[in-house]
């Protein structure tokens, strides 16, 4: 197994950050796995890795903004659907009122999905149970004060 000096390691990691492990192997003859391990130990990434991480974060942020916009738009659809349902039901047009209610309920479900909220009864039950267990855990050892 080859031994490398601190200067060789530093040079290799600098080249790794700028050009990647293949360039280091071709230029200095240090195996890709070796220089990658050194870089990871030092918390160094290649320029390409940093660009990829930035692109992924930008895409995630863009989707988050879109998700919030969609949720706001759905809130308007829900309000309009419920208003129409109320109007249709009070005017005696039950079929149109029913359709408006279905549309509003669908929009509510989609808004809940976008916000990460539970959309099914079993999810609500699981969430309630989790909250109760947490409360019990946090309450252990406490006593009532009079």
C-alpha atoms as a PDB file:
ATOM      1  CA  UNK A   1       0.000   0.000   0.000  1.00  0.00           C
ATOM      2  CA  UNK A   2       1.401   3.392  -1.041  1.00  0.00           C
ATOM      3  CA  UNK A   3       2.072   6.020   1.600  1.00  0.00           C
ATOM      4  CA  UNK A   4       1.322   9.623   0.739  1.00  0.00           C
ATOM      5  CA  UNK A   5       2.654  12.748   2.391  1.00  0.00           C
ATOM      6  CA  UNK A   6       0.381  15.453   3.751  1.00  0.00           C
ATOM      7  CA  UNK A   7       1.448  17.707   0.860  1.00  0.00           C
ATOM      8  CA  UNK A   8       0.464  15.034  -1.689  1.00  0.00           C
ATOM      9  CA  UNK A   9      -2.898  14.571   0.015  1.00  0.00           C
ATOM     10  CA  UNK A  10      -3.537  18.323   0.096  1.00  0.00           C
ATOM     11  CA  UNK A  11      -2.631  18.677  -3.593  1.00  0.00           C
ATOM     12  CA  UNK A  12      -4.787  15.693  -4.516  1.00  0.00           C
ATOM     13  CA  UNK A  13      -7.802  16.990  -2.588  1.00  0.00           C
ATOM     14  CA  UNK A  14      -7.414  20.445  -4.193  1.00  0.00           C
ATOM     15  CA  UNK A  15      -7.359  18.859  -7.663  1.00  0.00           C
ATOM     16  CA  UNK A  16     -10.307  16.669  -6.664  1.00  0.00           C
ATOM     17  CA  UNK A  17     -12.374  19.712  -5.688  1.00  0.00           C
ATOM     18  CA  UNK A  18     -11.626  21.468  -8.972  1.00  0.00           C
ATOM     19  CA  UNK A  19     -11.598  18.619 -11.500  1.00  0.00           C
ATOM     20  CA  UNK A  20     -12.861  15.415  -9.841  1.00  0.00           C
ATOM     21  CA  UNK A  21     -11.322  12.051  -8.916  1.00  0.00           C
ATOM     22  CA  UNK A  22     -10.613  10.871 -12.470  1.00  0.00           C
ATOM     23  CA  UNK A  23      -8.380  13.874 -13.119  1.00  0.00           C
ATOM     24  CA  UNK A  24      -6.494  13.199  -9.876  1.00  0.00           C
ATOM     25  CA  UNK A  25      -5.937   9.573 -10.867  1.00  0.00           C
ATOM     26  CA  UNK A  26      -4.743  10.533 -14.355  1.00  0.00           C
ATOM     27  CA  UNK A  27      -2.548  13.400 -13.159  1.00  0.00           C
ATOM     28  CA  UNK A  28      -1.076  12.148  -9.894  1.00  0.00           C
ATOM     29  CA  UNK A  29      -1.665   8.406 -10.135  1.00  0.00           C
ATOM     30  CA  UNK A  30      -3.609   8.330  -6.873  1.00  0.00           C
ATOM     31  CA  UNK A  31      -6.606   5.967  -7.040  1.00  0.00           C
ATOM     32  CA  UNK A  32     -10.029   7.619  -7.263  1.00  0.00           C
ATOM     33  CA  UNK A  33     -11.282   5.824  -4.161  1.00  0.00           C
ATOM     34  CA  UNK A  34      -8.318   7.009  -2.119  1.00  0.00           C
ATOM     35  CA  UNK A  35      -8.644  10.685  -3.018  1.00  0.00           C
ATOM     36  CA  UNK A  36     -12.424  10.520  -2.631  1.00  0.00           C
ATOM     37  CA  UNK A  37     -11.956   9.161   0.905  1.00  0.00           C
ATOM     38  CA  UNK A  38      -9.518  11.969   1.734  1.00  0.00           C
ATOM     39  CA  UNK A  39     -11.929  14.557   0.357  1.00  0.00           C
ATOM     40  CA  UNK A  40     -14.846  13.136   2.342  1.00  0.00           C
ATOM     41  CA  UNK A  41     -12.757  13.169   5.517  1.00  0.00           C
ATOM     42  CA  UNK A  42     -12.081  16.867   4.901  1.00  0.00           C
ATOM     43  CA  UNK A  43     -15.670  17.670   3.885  1.00  0.00           C
ATOM     44  CA  UNK A  44     -14.588  18.635   0.364  1.00  0.00           C
ATOM     45  CA  UNK A  45     -16.865  18.209  -2.647  1.00  0.00           C
ATOM     46  CA  UNK A  46     -16.142  18.562  -6.319  1.00  0.00           C
ATOM     47  CA  UNK A  47     -17.415  21.623  -8.137  1.00  0.00           C
ATOM     48  CA  UNK A  48     -19.769  19.300 -10.001  1.00  0.00           C
ATOM     49  CA  UNK A  49     -21.195  17.915  -6.747  1.00  0.00           C
ATOM     50  CA  UNK A  50     -21.747  21.431  -5.434  1.00  0.00           C
ATOM     51  CA  UNK A  51     -23.503  22.453  -8.671  1.00  0.00           C
ATOM     52  CA  UNK A  52     -25.704  19.361  -8.504  1.00  0.00           C
ATOM     53  CA  UNK A  53     -26.581  20.020  -4.866  1.00  0.00           C
ATOM     54  CA  UNK A  54     -27.447  23.631  -5.716  1.00  0.00           C
ATOM     55  CA  UNK A  55     -29.608  22.511  -8.659  1.00  0.00           C
ATOM     56  CA  UNK A  56     -31.469  20.004  -6.489  1.00  0.00           C
ATOM     57  CA  UNK A  57     -32.080  22.657  -3.829  1.00  0.00           C
ATOM     58  CA  UNK A  58     -33.292  25.137  -6.462  1.00  0.00           C
ATOM     59  CA  UNK A  59     -35.714  22.553  -7.863  1.00  0.00           C
ATOM     60  CA  UNK A  60     -36.954  21.755  -4.346  1.00  0.00           C
ATOM     61  CA  UNK A  61     -37.487  25.459  -3.613  1.00  0.00           C
ATOM     62  CA  UNK A  62     -39.273  25.979  -6.943  1.00  0.00           C
ATOM     63  CA  UNK A  63     -41.627  23.076  -6.200  1.00  0.00           C
ATOM     64  CA  UNK A  64     -42.287  24.392  -2.687  1.00  0.00           C
ATOM     65  CA  UNK A  65     -43.302  27.767  -4.121  1.00  0.00           C
ATOM     66  CA  UNK A  66     -45.538  26.078  -6.678  1.00  0.00           C
ATOM     67  CA  UNK A  67     -47.086  23.902  -3.981  1.00  0.00           C
ATOM     68  CA  UNK A  68     -47.908  26.956  -1.879  1.00  0.00           C
ATOM     69  CA  UNK A  69     -49.386  28.727  -4.906  1.00  0.00           C
ATOM     70  CA  UNK A  70     -51.504  25.684  -5.727  1.00  0.00           C
ATOM     71  CA  UNK A  71     -52.718  25.492  -2.134  1.00  0.00           C
ATOM     72  CA  UNK A  72     -53.747  29.179  -2.264  1.00  0.00           C
ATOM     73  CA  UNK A  73     -55.508  28.644  -5.591  1.00  0.00           C
ATOM     74  CA  UNK A  74     -57.332  25.633  -4.187  1.00  0.00           C
ATOM     75  CA  UNK A  75     -58.518  27.716  -1.235  1.00  0.00           C
ATOM     76  CA  UNK A  76     -60.262  30.019  -3.708  1.00  0.00           C
ATOM     77  CA  UNK A  77     -61.776  27.018  -5.513  1.00  0.00           C
ATOM     78  CA  UNK A  78     -62.996  25.627  -2.177  1.00  0.00           C
ATOM     79  CA  UNK A  79     -64.602  28.938  -1.203  1.00  0.00           C
ATOM     80  CA  UNK A  80     -66.315  29.251  -4.596  1.00  0.00           C
ATOM     81  CA  UNK A  81     -67.449  25.608  -4.557  1.00  0.00           C
ATOM     82  CA  UNK A  82     -68.925  25.853  -1.087  1.00  0.00           C
ATOM     83  CA  UNK A  83     -70.671  29.140  -1.910  1.00  0.00           C
ATOM     84  CA  UNK A  84     -72.132  27.627  -5.058  1.00  0.00           C
ATOM     85  CA  UNK A  85     -73.191  24.470  -3.203  1.00  0.00           C
ATOM     86  CA  UNK A  86     -74.958  26.526  -0.549  1.00  0.00           C
ATOM     87  CA  UNK A  87     -76.698  28.607  -3.194  1.00  0.00           C
ATOM     88  CA  UNK A  88     -77.737  25.563  -5.261  1.00  0.00           C
ATOM     89  CA  UNK A  89     -78.955  23.621  -2.246  1.00  0.00           C
ATOM     90  CA  UNK A  90     -81.021  26.500  -0.866  1.00  0.00           C
ATOM     91  CA  UNK A  91     -82.574  27.194  -4.280  1.00  0.00           C
ATOM     92  CA  UNK A  92     -83.747  23.606  -4.583  1.00  0.00           C
ATOM     93  CA  UNK A  93     -81.299  22.420  -7.264  1.00  0.00           C
ATOM     94  CA  UNK A  94     -80.005  19.464  -5.276  1.00  0.00           C
ATOM     95  CA  UNK A  95     -78.140  17.853  -8.166  1.00  0.00           C
ATOM     96  CA  UNK A  96     -76.107  20.987  -8.939  1.00  0.00           C
ATOM     97  CA  UNK A  97     -75.541  21.504  -5.221  1.00  0.00           C
ATOM     98  CA  UNK A  98     -74.288  17.950  -4.864  1.00  0.00           C
ATOM     99  CA  UNK A  99     -71.868  18.428  -7.767  1.00  0.00           C
ATOM    100  CA  UNK A 100     -70.562  21.647  -6.235  1.00  0.00           C
ATOM    101  CA  UNK A 101     -70.065  19.879  -2.886  1.00  0.00           C
ATOM    102  CA  UNK A 102     -68.147  17.046  -4.560  1.00  0.00           C
ATOM    103  CA  UNK A 103     -65.929  19.586  -6.327  1.00  0.00           C
ATOM    104  CA  UNK A 104     -65.308  21.465  -3.073  1.00  0.00           C
ATOM    105  CA  UNK A 105     -64.576  18.234  -1.177  1.00  0.00           C
ATOM    106  CA  UNK A 106     -62.114  17.155  -3.856  1.00  0.00           C
ATOM    107  CA  UNK A 107     -60.391  20.540  -3.681  1.00  0.00           C
ATOM    108  CA  UNK A 108     -60.205  20.291   0.126  1.00  0.00           C
ATOM    109  CA  UNK A 109     -58.630  16.837  -0.138  1.00  0.00           C
ATOM    110  CA  UNK A 110     -56.035  18.087  -2.635  1.00  0.00           C
ATOM    111  CA  UNK A 111     -55.247  21.125  -0.483  1.00  0.00           C
ATOM    112  CA  UNK A 112     -54.688  18.820   2.503  1.00  0.00           C
ATOM    113  CA  UNK A 113     -52.379  16.646   0.413  1.00  0.00           C
ATOM    114  CA  UNK A 114     -50.369  19.669  -0.690  1.00  0.00           C
ATOM    115  CA  UNK A 115     -50.021  20.856   2.900  1.00  0.00           C
ATOM    116  CA  UNK A 116     -48.967  17.428   4.171  1.00  0.00           C
ATOM    117  CA  UNK A 117     -52.035  17.090   6.366  1.00  0.00           C
ATOM    118  CA  UNK A 118     -53.809  13.741   6.845  1.00  0.00           C
ATOM    119  CA  UNK A 119     -56.497  13.011   4.261  1.00  0.00           C
ATOM    120  CA  UNK A 120     -57.882   9.729   5.566  1.00  0.00           C
ATOM    121  CA  UNK A 121     -59.532   8.763   8.820  1.00  0.00           C
ATOM    122  CA  UNK A 122     -56.835   6.192   9.624  1.00  0.00           C
ATOM    123  CA  UNK A 123     -54.165   8.871   9.187  1.00  0.00           C
ATOM    124  CA  UNK A 124     -56.062  11.108  11.595  1.00  0.00           C
ATOM    125  CA  UNK A 125     -56.396   8.228  14.068  1.00  0.00           C
ATOM    126  CA  UNK A 126     -52.694   7.418  13.820  1.00  0.00           C
ATOM    127  CA  UNK A 127     -51.833  11.093  14.303  1.00  0.00           C
ATOM    128  CA  UNK A 128     -54.139  11.331  17.329  1.00  0.00           C
ATOM    129  CA  UNK A 129     -52.599   8.188  18.856  1.00  0.00           C
ATOM    130  CA  UNK A 130     -49.106   9.566  18.293  1.00  0.00           C
ATOM    131  CA  UNK A 131     -50.049  12.839  19.983  1.00  0.00           C
ATOM    132  CA  UNK A 132     -51.585  10.986  22.943  1.00  0.00           C
ATOM    133  CA  UNK A 133     -48.481   8.813  23.339  1.00  0.00           C
ATOM    134  CA  UNK A 134     -46.253  11.875  23.236  1.00  0.00           C
ATOM    135  CA  UNK A 135     -48.407  13.592  25.854  1.00  0.00           C
ATOM    136  CA  UNK A 136     -48.255  10.501  28.062  1.00  0.00           C
ATOM    137  CA  UNK A 137     -44.466  10.304  27.684  1.00  0.00           C
ATOM    138  CA  UNK A 138     -44.076  13.991  28.503  1.00  0.00           C
ATOM    139  CA  UNK A 139     -46.444  13.679  31.470  1.00  0.00           C
ATOM    140  CA  UNK A 140     -44.690  10.769  33.191  1.00  0.00           C
ATOM    141  CA  UNK A 141     -43.450  11.676  36.606  1.00  0.00           C
ATOM    142  CA  UNK A 142     -45.685  14.737  36.819  1.00  0.00           C
ATOM    143  CA  UNK A 143     -48.261  15.005  39.543  1.00  0.00           C
ATOM    144  CA  UNK A 144     -51.389  17.045  39.835  1.00  0.00           C
ATOM    145  CA  UNK A 145     -51.109  20.305  41.724  1.00  0.00           C
ATOM    146  CA  UNK A 146     -53.991  21.515  43.807  1.00  0.00           C
END
